Amino acid sequence: MNKINVSTEPEDCLQLLDGAEAVEDEPSSLASCLRAFTITEVLSGPNTYECEKCCVPYNKQLRNGMKKRTVEAEKRYLIYEPPPVLTLHLKRFEQ
């Protein structure tokens, strides 16, 4: 059985996720799942973002049939502070 290190310190969580990048050949582990969850996602093509500052005011003035303005963006989920209790949902099938 593998040994698992457990920590309640926020710094340990931040160190784990700092500069997180998904690694294709990395074995499945809690750390690799958290890294995959926090990688930067590029929103482009059909997934572009409707920015509240530059797109929404323009889009409110559109008439029927006109295309909405969107911009390319990057999205990333971050965990600033680990929760007191972390609940994980494990799937037993492959995607």
C-alpha atoms as a PDB file:
ATOM      1  CA  MET A   1       0.000   0.000   0.000  1.00  0.00           C
ATOM      2  CA  ASN A   2       1.275   3.489  -0.857  1.00  0.00           C
ATOM      3  CA  LYS A   3       1.882   6.043   1.868  1.00  0.00           C
ATOM      4  CA  ILE A   4      -0.143   9.261   1.557  1.00  0.00           C
ATOM      5  CA  ASN A   5       1.062  12.517   3.081  1.00  0.00           C
ATOM      6  CA  VAL A   6      -1.670  14.598   4.682  1.00  0.00           C
ATOM      7  CA  SER A   7      -1.368  18.263   5.587  1.00  0.00           C
ATOM      8  CA  THR A   8      -3.677  20.926   6.944  1.00  0.00           C
ATOM      9  CA  GLU A   9      -1.399  23.827   6.049  1.00  0.00           C
ATOM     10  CA  PRO A  10      -2.621  26.176   3.264  1.00  0.00           C
ATOM     11  CA  GLU A  11       0.978  26.639   2.066  1.00  0.00           C
ATOM     12  CA  ASP A  12       1.245  22.927   1.250  1.00  0.00           C
ATOM     13  CA  CYS A  13      -1.877  23.117  -0.919  1.00  0.00           C
ATOM     14  CA  LEU A  14      -0.626  26.218  -2.722  1.00  0.00           C
ATOM     15  CA  GLN A  15       2.789  24.631  -3.310  1.00  0.00           C
ATOM     16  CA  LEU A  16       1.120  21.583  -4.851  1.00  0.00           C
ATOM     17  CA  LEU A  17      -0.899  23.704  -7.281  1.00  0.00           C
ATOM     18  CA  ASP A  18       1.719  26.372  -8.045  1.00  0.00           C
ATOM     19  CA  GLY A  19       2.507  26.307 -11.752  1.00  0.00           C
ATOM     20  CA  ALA A  20       0.209  23.329 -12.188  1.00  0.00           C
ATOM     21  CA  GLU A  21       0.315  21.701 -15.593  1.00  0.00           C
ATOM     22  CA  ALA A  22      -1.334  18.446 -16.578  1.00  0.00           C
ATOM     23  CA  VAL A  23       1.087  15.671 -17.409  1.00  0.00           C
ATOM     24  CA  GLU A  24      -0.205  13.044 -19.846  1.00  0.00           C
ATOM     25  CA  ASP A  25       1.824  10.091 -18.555  1.00  0.00           C
ATOM     26  CA  GLU A  26       1.507  10.956 -14.876  1.00  0.00           C
ATOM     27  CA  PRO A  27      -0.157   8.176 -12.856  1.00  0.00           C
ATOM     28  CA  SER A  28      -3.572   8.995 -11.406  1.00  0.00           C
ATOM     29  CA  SER A  29      -3.308  10.474  -7.942  1.00  0.00           C
ATOM     30  CA  LEU A  30      -5.015  13.148  -5.901  1.00  0.00           C
ATOM     31  CA  ALA A  31      -2.176  15.553  -6.715  1.00  0.00           C
ATOM     32  CA  SER A  32      -2.407  14.883 -10.467  1.00  0.00           C
ATOM     33  CA  CYS A  33      -6.200  15.348 -10.378  1.00  0.00           C
ATOM     34  CA  LEU A  34      -5.837  18.699  -8.585  1.00  0.00           C
ATOM     35  CA  ARG A  35      -3.187  19.795 -11.095  1.00  0.00           C
ATOM     36  CA  ALA A  36      -5.473  18.847 -14.000  1.00  0.00           C
ATOM     37  CA  PHE A  37      -8.384  20.729 -12.359  1.00  0.00           C
ATOM     38  CA  THR A  38      -6.348  23.920 -11.986  1.00  0.00           C
ATOM     39  CA  ILE A  39      -4.625  24.142 -15.390  1.00  0.00           C
ATOM     40  CA  THR A  40      -5.309  27.199 -17.530  1.00  0.00           C
ATOM     41  CA  GLU A  41      -7.975  26.696 -20.203  1.00  0.00           C
ATOM     42  CA  VAL A  42      -7.937  28.870 -23.336  1.00  0.00           C
ATOM     43  CA  LEU A  43     -11.394  30.073 -24.389  1.00  0.00           C
ATOM     44  CA  SER A  44     -11.290  30.520 -28.154  1.00  0.00           C
ATOM     45  CA  GLY A  45     -13.275  29.655 -31.262  1.00  0.00           C
ATOM     46  CA  PRO A  46     -16.834  28.666 -30.315  1.00  0.00           C
ATOM     47  CA  ASN A  47     -15.946  28.946 -26.601  1.00  0.00           C
ATOM     48  CA  THR A  48     -15.008  32.644 -26.580  1.00  0.00           C
ATOM     49  CA  TYR A  49     -16.007  34.772 -23.599  1.00  0.00           C
ATOM     50  CA  GLU A  50     -18.529  37.627 -23.432  1.00  0.00           C
ATOM     51  CA  CYS A  51     -16.533  40.160 -21.382  1.00  0.00           C
ATOM     52  CA  GLU A  52     -18.647  42.291 -19.032  1.00  0.00           C
ATOM     53  CA  LYS A  53     -16.569  45.434 -19.690  1.00  0.00           C
ATOM     54  CA  CYS A  54     -16.025  45.416 -23.441  1.00  0.00           C
ATOM     55  CA  CYS A  55     -18.692  43.104 -24.907  1.00  0.00           C
ATOM     56  CA  VAL A  56     -21.866  43.421 -22.830  1.00  0.00           C
ATOM     57  CA  PRO A  57     -22.448  47.176 -23.485  1.00  0.00           C
ATOM     58  CA  TYR A  58     -21.984  46.580 -27.225  1.00  0.00           C
ATOM     59  CA  ASN A  59     -24.173  43.457 -27.247  1.00  0.00           C
ATOM     60  CA  LYS A  60     -27.040  45.250 -25.460  1.00  0.00           C
ATOM     61  CA  GLN A  61     -27.324  47.617 -28.451  1.00  0.00           C
ATOM     62  CA  LEU A  62     -27.489  44.847 -31.073  1.00  0.00           C
ATOM     63  CA  ARG A  63     -30.507  44.374 -33.254  1.00  0.00           C
ATOM     64  CA  ASN A  64     -31.908  40.997 -34.298  1.00  0.00           C
ATOM     65  CA  GLY A  65     -29.633  39.012 -36.585  1.00  0.00           C
ATOM     66  CA  MET A  66     -26.432  40.789 -35.567  1.00  0.00           C
ATOM     67  CA  LYS A  67     -23.576  38.732 -34.162  1.00  0.00           C
ATOM     68  CA  LYS A  68     -22.621  39.180 -30.502  1.00  0.00           C
ATOM     69  CA  ARG A  69     -19.119  40.388 -29.701  1.00  0.00           C
ATOM     70  CA  THR A  70     -16.909  37.987 -27.733  1.00  0.00           C
ATOM     71  CA  VAL A  71     -13.201  37.850 -26.907  1.00  0.00           C
ATOM     72  CA  GLU A  72     -10.610  35.127 -26.454  1.00  0.00           C
ATOM     73  CA  ALA A  73      -9.704  34.591 -22.812  1.00  0.00           C
ATOM     74  CA  GLU A  74      -8.026  32.248 -20.358  1.00  0.00           C
ATOM     75  CA  LYS A  75      -9.895  30.575 -17.509  1.00  0.00           C
ATOM     76  CA  ARG A  76      -8.375  28.892 -14.479  1.00  0.00           C
ATOM     77  CA  TYR A  77      -9.885  27.504 -11.299  1.00  0.00           C
ATOM     78  CA  LEU A  78      -7.757  28.162  -8.215  1.00  0.00           C
ATOM     79  CA  ILE A  79      -7.969  27.002  -4.629  1.00  0.00           C
ATOM     80  CA  TYR A  80      -6.857  29.914  -2.450  1.00  0.00           C
ATOM     81  CA  GLU A  81      -7.344  28.133   0.848  1.00  0.00           C
ATOM     82  CA  PRO A  82      -8.018  24.445   1.413  1.00  0.00           C
ATOM     83  CA  PRO A  83     -11.384  23.699   3.019  1.00  0.00           C
ATOM     84  CA  PRO A  84     -11.555  22.263   6.559  1.00  0.00           C
ATOM     85  CA  VAL A  85     -13.012  19.072   5.059  1.00  0.00           C
ATOM     86  CA  LEU A  86     -12.337  18.048   1.471  1.00  0.00           C
ATOM     87  CA  THR A  87     -14.946  15.752  -0.048  1.00  0.00           C
ATOM     88  CA  LEU A  88     -13.952  13.885  -3.195  1.00  0.00           C
ATOM     89  CA  HIS A  89     -16.233  12.173  -5.674  1.00  0.00           C
ATOM     90  CA  LEU A  90     -14.452   9.254  -7.320  1.00  0.00           C
ATOM     91  CA  LYS A  91     -15.713   7.946 -10.654  1.00  0.00           C
ATOM     92  CA  ARG A  92     -15.278   4.253 -11.383  1.00  0.00           C
ATOM     93  CA  PHE A  93     -15.284   4.529 -15.158  1.00  0.00           C
ATOM     94  CA  GLU A  94     -13.121   6.074 -17.857  1.00  0.00           C
ATOM     95  CA  GLN A  95     -14.070   9.061 -19.979  1.00  0.00           C
END
